[in-house]
Amino acid sequence: MDERHTRPPRNGGLNRRQFLKASAGAAALGAMGPVPLWAASDTLIRRPIPASGEQIPVIGLGTARTFNVDDSDAEAMAPLRGVMKAFYEGGGRMVDSSPMYGNSETVVGVLARDLGIADELFMATKVWTDGAQAGVEQMQRSRERMGGGRLELIQVHNLRDLRTQLDTLKRWRDEGKVRYIGVTHSRNSAHGDLKRVVEREPLDFVQLNYNIAARNAERRLLPAAANQGVAVIVNEPFESGRLFSAVRGQSLPDWARDAGAQSWAQYFLKYIVSHPAVTCAIPATSDPEHSRDNIGACHGVLPDSAQRRRMVEYFEGL
């Protein structure tokens, strides 16, 4: 379950699910609500992967915790099917998983097959083990779990056994077993290590934590990735749900619509993907309504530098 809708509202405010439902009717009268931007515009925001020039949508789908369910449990799978369907129909393509996320890889594969979209998705996962042979076996299992086709991207999760696993990944890339390779971490304390790897290794992607309340990556890591031509995937875009707690009961400012945001989720996501070094953000959810809201950040316009500064100032002033 996504942490952002498990905490009760404070001061009588609405939680995100309630807000989306309550504002649906008002949207028809022209009030701000969760109306998908693609309903009025077919402009899908994409960014190029520097290594190839391939364009991918700026909003992907994370699967940590949320997709770790029993794939034989129809009741547990139903909302996740809705999440994947809304994501895909809104233009999303990158789906990121890991062996560390329990049964998430299998769930991704099952849902993609059932929806008939497996060949359309940009499948990304990670290797998270020690030893060359163990790494190869884990990646082979991941490929089978996620559908059996070629994986687009495999990343060394949390830099674990980095040298060994990266050597294997470089060989796999040369052999055409994977298109792109990268490294990941989700803590500020690892940014120095990530920067060194980005600057020394022939990577295609780096995955890191970054959001409007945790901007440490802006100092050195994002510039390093841009300088080295490495694509950036952003995890923890909502700070494990804490950003929604910070704005609970607060109205989205009217000017946020000028920056392309029609909800707090889009406000947070648009801030992230408007950074020129960022390629894609991967919010996770188990709620189809939230998935539809999230992918809305992939449409319309992005805030400019002045709007980004205003977004930070407003958020920090709450």
Protein backbone atom coordinates (compact mmCIF):
# COMPACT_ATOMS: atom_id res chain seq x y z
CA MET A 1 0.00 0.00 0.00
CA ASP A 2 1.28 3.45 -0.96
CA GLU A 3 2.16 5.40 2.18
CA ARG A 4 0.51 8.58 0.94
CA HIS A 5 -3.01 7.32 1.54
CA THR A 6 -2.53 5.46 4.80
CA ARG A 7 -2.13 8.48 7.06
CA PRO A 8 -5.36 10.14 8.27
CA PRO A 9 -5.95 13.75 7.21
CA ARG A 10 -4.93 16.40 9.68
CA ASN A 11 -7.18 19.30 10.75
CA GLY A 12 -10.16 17.84 8.94
CA GLY A 13 -8.46 18.08 5.51
CA LEU A 14 -9.10 15.70 2.65
CA ASN A 15 -6.64 13.00 1.76
CA ARG A 16 -5.57 12.68 -1.84
CA ARG A 17 -8.12 10.01 -2.79
CA GLN A 18 -10.95 12.08 -1.30
CA PHE A 19 -9.73 15.24 -3.00
CA LEU A 20 -9.62 13.57 -6.42
CA LYS A 21 -13.13 12.18 -6.03
CA ALA A 22 -14.60 15.36 -4.59
CA SER A 23 -13.10 17.58 -7.27
CA ALA A 24 -14.13 15.41 -10.22
CA GLY A 25 -17.55 17.05 -10.43
CA ALA A 26 -16.18 20.53 -9.91
CA ALA A 27 -13.80 20.03 -12.81
CA ALA A 28 -16.78 19.90 -15.15
CA LEU A 29 -17.63 23.44 -14.08
CA GLY A 30 -14.14 24.68 -14.80
CA ALA A 31 -12.72 24.38 -11.30
CA MET A 32 -9.30 22.85 -10.83
CA GLY A 33 -9.49 19.08 -10.54
CA PRO A 34 -7.81 15.88 -11.65
CA VAL A 35 -8.79 16.24 -15.31
CA PRO A 36 -6.08 14.45 -17.33
CA LEU A 37 -4.13 16.98 -19.33
CA TRP A 38 -4.10 14.62 -22.29
CA ALA A 39 -7.88 15.04 -22.54
CA ALA A 40 -7.23 18.51 -23.90
CA SER A 41 -3.75 18.03 -25.35
CA ASP A 42 -1.94 15.22 -27.08
CA THR A 43 1.45 16.64 -26.14
CA LEU A 44 3.42 13.94 -24.36
CA ILE A 45 6.58 15.18 -22.68
CA ARG A 46 9.61 13.03 -23.51
CA ARG A 47 13.32 13.27 -22.87
CA PRO A 48 16.15 11.67 -24.85
CA ILE A 49 18.43 8.99 -23.46
CA PRO A 50 21.84 10.56 -24.17
CA ALA A 51 23.48 7.25 -25.06
CA SER A 52 21.13 6.62 -27.97
CA GLY A 53 18.88 9.60 -28.53
CA GLU A 54 15.84 7.39 -27.89
CA GLN A 55 13.00 9.45 -26.43
CA ILE A 56 11.08 8.18 -23.40
CA PRO A 57 8.16 9.74 -21.47
CA VAL A 58 9.28 11.67 -18.40
CA ILE A 59 6.98 9.79 -16.02
CA GLY A 60 7.56 6.09 -15.42
CA LEU A 61 6.20 3.62 -12.90
CA GLY A 62 7.98 2.40 -9.78
CA THR A 63 7.05 -0.93 -8.18
CA ALA A 64 8.81 -0.99 -4.79
CA ARG A 65 6.40 -2.26 -2.10
CA THR A 66 3.27 -1.53 -4.13
CA PHE A 67 3.62 -4.44 -6.59
CA ASN A 68 4.83 -7.00 -4.06
CA VAL A 69 1.65 -9.09 -3.97
CA ASP A 70 0.72 -12.69 -4.73
CA ASP A 71 0.13 -12.78 -8.49
CA SER A 72 -2.43 -15.58 -8.00
CA ASP A 73 -4.54 -13.36 -5.71
CA ALA A 74 -7.14 -11.79 -7.99
CA GLU A 75 -8.26 -9.28 -5.35
CA ALA A 76 -4.70 -8.02 -4.82
CA MET A 77 -3.95 -7.91 -8.54
CA ALA A 78 -7.08 -6.01 -9.60
CA PRO A 79 -6.03 -2.51 -8.45
CA LEU A 80 -2.51 -3.03 -9.80
CA ARG A 81 -3.97 -3.95 -13.16
CA GLY A 82 -5.80 -0.62 -13.01
CA VAL A 83 -2.56 1.15 -12.12
CA MET A 84 -0.72 -0.36 -15.09
CA LYS A 85 -3.62 0.27 -17.47
CA ALA A 86 -3.98 3.94 -16.46
CA PHE A 87 -0.21 4.39 -16.69
CA TYR A 88 -0.02 2.91 -20.18
CA GLU A 89 -3.12 4.67 -21.52
CA GLY A 90 -1.72 7.98 -20.27
CA GLY A 91 1.44 7.48 -22.30
CA GLY A 92 3.75 5.92 -19.69
CA ARG A 93 6.30 3.36 -20.82
CA MET A 94 9.18 2.85 -18.35
CA VAL A 95 8.41 0.34 -15.59
CA ASP A 96 11.15 -0.09 -12.98
CA SER A 97 11.47 -3.09 -10.66
CA SER A 98 14.04 -5.16 -8.77
CA PRO A 99 14.57 -8.63 -7.27
CA MET A 100 14.72 -6.74 -3.97
CA TYR A 101 11.02 -5.92 -4.32
CA GLY A 102 9.71 -9.39 -3.56
CA ASN A 103 7.24 -10.57 -6.19
CA SER A 104 7.10 -7.24 -8.02
CA GLU A 105 8.93 -8.39 -11.15
CA THR A 106 6.53 -11.29 -11.61
CA VAL A 107 3.51 -9.05 -11.08
CA VAL A 108 4.83 -6.62 -13.70
CA GLY A 109 5.28 -9.46 -16.18
CA VAL A 110 1.84 -10.95 -15.54
CA LEU A 111 0.03 -7.62 -15.83
CA ALA A 112 1.92 -6.55 -18.95
CA ARG A 113 1.06 -9.85 -20.62
CA ASP A 114 -2.58 -9.77 -19.56
CA LEU A 115 -2.99 -6.20 -20.82
CA GLY A 116 -1.23 -7.06 -24.08
CA ILE A 117 1.37 -4.30 -23.66
CA ALA A 118 4.53 -6.25 -22.82
CA ASP A 119 6.20 -5.35 -26.12
CA GLU A 120 5.34 -1.67 -25.68
CA LEU A 121 6.92 -1.13 -22.27
CA PHE A 122 10.45 -0.04 -21.43
CA MET A 123 11.26 -2.75 -18.88
CA ALA A 124 13.91 -1.86 -16.30
CA THR A 125 15.13 -3.87 -13.34
CA LYS A 126 18.22 -4.33 -11.19
CA VAL A 127 20.80 -6.84 -10.04
CA TRP A 128 21.07 -7.10 -6.28
CA THR A 129 23.42 -9.86 -5.17
CA ASP A 130 27.10 -10.78 -4.72
CA GLY A 131 29.23 -12.76 -7.14
CA ALA A 132 29.36 -12.99 -10.92
CA GLN A 133 27.46 -16.26 -11.34
CA ALA A 134 24.82 -15.27 -8.79
CA GLY A 135 24.36 -12.01 -10.67
CA VAL A 136 23.93 -13.74 -14.02
CA GLU A 137 21.40 -16.19 -12.58
CA GLN A 138 19.45 -13.40 -10.89
CA MET A 139 19.27 -11.35 -14.08
CA GLN A 140 18.12 -14.38 -16.06
CA ARG A 141 15.36 -14.96 -13.50
CA SER A 142 14.37 -11.30 -13.70
CA ARG A 143 14.07 -11.54 -17.47
CA GLU A 144 11.77 -14.54 -17.20
CA ARG A 145 9.69 -12.98 -14.43
CA MET A 146 9.17 -9.78 -16.39
CA GLY A 147 7.97 -11.56 -19.50
CA GLY A 148 10.91 -13.36 -21.05
CA GLY A 149 11.86 -10.70 -23.57
CA ARG A 150 14.93 -8.54 -23.66
CA LEU A 151 15.18 -6.13 -20.78
CA GLU A 152 15.81 -2.55 -21.81
CA LEU A 153 17.76 -1.55 -18.70
CA ILE A 154 19.49 -3.39 -15.85
CA GLN A 155 21.01 -1.42 -12.98
CA VAL A 156 23.33 -2.35 -10.11
CA HIS A 157 21.00 -1.89 -7.15
CA ASN A 158 22.44 0.25 -4.34
CA LEU A 159 25.91 -0.23 -5.86
CA ARG A 160 26.03 -3.76 -4.43
CA ASP A 161 29.11 -5.72 -5.58
CA LEU A 162 29.53 -2.92 -8.08
CA ARG A 163 32.70 -3.97 -9.89
CA THR A 164 31.61 -7.57 -10.44
CA GLN A 165 28.06 -6.81 -11.53
CA LEU A 166 29.04 -3.87 -13.72
CA ASP A 167 31.58 -6.01 -15.58
CA THR A 168 28.82 -8.51 -16.35
CA LEU A 169 26.43 -5.77 -17.41
CA LYS A 170 28.95 -4.23 -19.79
CA ARG A 171 29.44 -7.64 -21.39
CA TRP A 172 25.69 -8.19 -21.64
CA ARG A 173 25.30 -4.81 -23.30
CA ASP A 174 28.02 -5.64 -25.81
CA GLU A 175 26.30 -8.97 -26.52
CA GLY A 176 22.89 -7.35 -26.99
CA LYS A 177 21.31 -9.04 -23.98
CA VAL A 178 20.40 -5.66 -22.51
CA ARG A 179 20.22 -2.27 -24.20
CA TYR A 180 21.23 0.00 -21.33
CA ILE A 181 23.08 -0.36 -18.03
CA GLY A 182 23.22 1.77 -14.91
CA VAL A 183 23.55 2.09 -11.15
CA THR A 184 21.12 3.11 -8.42
CA HIS A 185 20.80 4.35 -4.88
CA SER A 186 18.10 6.12 -2.89
CA ARG A 187 19.97 7.98 -0.15
CA ASN A 188 21.73 11.32 -0.04
CA SER A 189 24.69 9.68 1.69
CA ALA A 190 25.41 7.70 -1.49
CA HIS A 191 25.47 10.68 -3.85
CA GLY A 192 29.24 11.02 -3.63
CA ASP A 193 29.71 7.38 -4.58
CA LEU A 194 27.19 7.67 -7.41
CA LYS A 195 28.97 10.75 -8.75
CA ARG A 196 32.32 8.93 -8.81
CA VAL A 197 30.83 5.97 -10.66
CA VAL A 198 29.07 8.24 -13.15
CA GLU A 199 32.34 10.01 -13.90
CA ARG A 200 34.44 6.85 -14.22
CA GLU A 201 32.23 4.24 -15.87
CA PRO A 202 30.53 4.07 -19.29
CA LEU A 203 27.00 4.15 -17.89
CA ASP A 204 23.76 4.82 -19.71
CA PHE A 205 21.64 5.55 -16.60
CA VAL A 206 21.96 6.57 -12.98
CA GLN A 207 18.98 6.28 -10.63
CA LEU A 208 18.87 8.53 -7.57
CA ASN A 209 16.59 10.15 -5.00
CA TYR A 210 15.49 13.72 -5.68
CA ASN A 211 12.40 15.78 -4.96
CA ILE A 212 11.29 19.27 -4.01
CA ALA A 213 12.12 18.68 -0.33
CA ALA A 214 15.35 16.73 -0.91
CA ARG A 215 17.40 18.65 -3.45
CA ASN A 216 20.91 17.51 -2.57
CA ALA A 217 21.32 15.92 -6.02
CA GLU A 218 21.15 19.37 -7.62
CA ARG A 219 24.50 20.33 -6.14
CA ARG A 220 26.88 17.88 -7.84
CA LEU A 221 25.25 14.63 -8.91
CA LEU A 222 22.79 15.95 -11.49
CA PRO A 223 25.42 18.23 -13.08
CA ALA A 224 27.84 15.29 -13.23
CA ALA A 225 25.26 13.12 -14.99
CA ALA A 226 24.55 15.89 -17.49
CA ASN A 227 28.25 16.44 -18.15
CA GLN A 228 28.83 12.72 -18.72
CA GLY A 229 25.78 12.21 -20.91
CA VAL A 230 24.12 9.82 -18.45
CA ALA A 231 20.33 9.58 -18.27
CA VAL A 232 18.77 10.16 -14.84
CA ILE A 233 15.89 8.22 -13.27
CA VAL A 234 14.49 9.76 -10.09
CA ASN A 235 13.16 7.58 -7.28
CA GLU A 236 11.44 8.73 -4.08
CA PRO A 237 9.65 11.58 -5.90
CA PHE A 238 7.15 11.93 -3.05
CA GLU A 239 9.64 11.24 -0.23
CA SER A 240 7.80 8.01 0.68
CA GLY A 241 4.55 9.94 0.95
CA ARG A 242 5.85 12.62 3.30
CA LEU A 243 5.33 15.39 0.76
CA PHE A 244 1.59 14.75 0.80
CA SER A 245 1.56 14.98 4.59
CA ALA A 246 3.28 18.36 4.30
CA VAL A 247 0.55 19.78 2.05
CA ARG A 248 -2.47 18.04 3.56
CA GLY A 249 -5.30 20.52 3.94
CA GLN A 250 -3.51 23.05 1.72
CA SER A 251 -4.98 24.22 -1.57
CA LEU A 252 -2.87 24.08 -4.68
CA PRO A 253 -2.02 27.69 -5.65
CA ASP A 254 -3.79 28.97 -8.76
CA TRP A 255 -0.50 29.87 -10.43
CA ALA A 256 0.57 26.19 -10.32
CA ARG A 257 -1.61 25.62 -13.38
CA ASP A 258 0.68 27.96 -15.32
CA ALA A 259 3.47 25.52 -14.48
CA GLY A 260 1.37 22.63 -15.79
CA ALA A 261 0.27 21.18 -12.44
CA GLN A 262 -3.35 20.37 -11.66
CA SER A 263 -2.73 18.46 -8.43
CA TRP A 264 -0.12 18.27 -5.71
CA ALA A 265 1.25 15.06 -7.22
CA GLN A 266 1.75 16.82 -10.54
CA TYR A 267 3.27 19.81 -8.74
CA PHE A 268 5.91 17.57 -7.18
CA LEU A 269 6.52 15.54 -10.33
CA LYS A 270 6.67 18.54 -12.66
CA TYR A 271 9.27 20.11 -10.39
CA ILE A 272 11.46 17.01 -10.71
CA VAL A 273 11.22 16.39 -14.43
CA SER A 274 11.65 20.06 -15.32
CA HIS A 275 15.27 19.81 -14.18
CA PRO A 276 17.18 19.59 -17.47
CA ALA A 277 19.35 16.68 -16.29
CA VAL A 278 16.39 14.48 -15.35
CA THR A 279 15.15 11.94 -17.87
CA CYS A 280 12.34 10.21 -15.98
CA ALA A 281 10.71 10.02 -12.53
CA ILE A 282 9.20 6.76 -11.27
CA PRO A 283 6.40 7.31 -8.74
CA ALA A 284 4.91 4.14 -7.24
CA THR A 285 1.30 3.59 -6.28
CA SER A 286 -1.26 0.84 -5.79
CA ASP A 287 -4.19 3.16 -6.59
CA PRO A 288 -5.40 3.51 -10.21
CA GLU A 289 -6.67 7.05 -9.53
CA HIS A 290 -3.24 8.08 -8.33
CA SER A 291 -1.63 6.41 -11.34
CA ARG A 292 -3.85 8.45 -13.64
CA ASP A 293 -3.01 11.60 -11.71
CA ASN A 294 0.72 10.87 -11.78
CA ILE A 295 0.87 10.26 -15.52
CA GLY A 296 -0.86 13.60 -15.98
CA ALA A 297 2.50 15.17 -15.16
CA CYS A 298 3.75 13.73 -18.45
CA HIS A 299 1.47 16.05 -20.42
CA GLY A 300 1.11 19.76 -20.98
CA VAL A 301 3.93 22.12 -20.05
CA LEU A 302 6.83 22.11 -17.61
CA PRO A 303 7.75 24.93 -15.22
CA ASP A 304 10.58 27.23 -16.23
CA SER A 305 13.43 28.18 -13.90
CA ALA A 306 11.53 31.08 -12.34
CA GLN A 307 8.48 28.92 -11.75
CA ARG A 308 10.66 26.21 -10.22
CA ARG A 309 12.05 28.71 -7.71
CA ARG A 310 8.53 29.86 -6.89
CA MET A 311 7.42 26.25 -6.38
CA VAL A 312 10.20 25.69 -3.84
CA GLU A 313 9.51 28.95 -2.02
CA TYR A 314 5.80 28.22 -1.79
CA PHE A 315 6.33 24.66 -0.57
CA GLU A 316 8.88 25.71 2.03
CA GLY A 317 6.55 28.46 3.25
CA LEU A 318 3.71 26.08 4.11
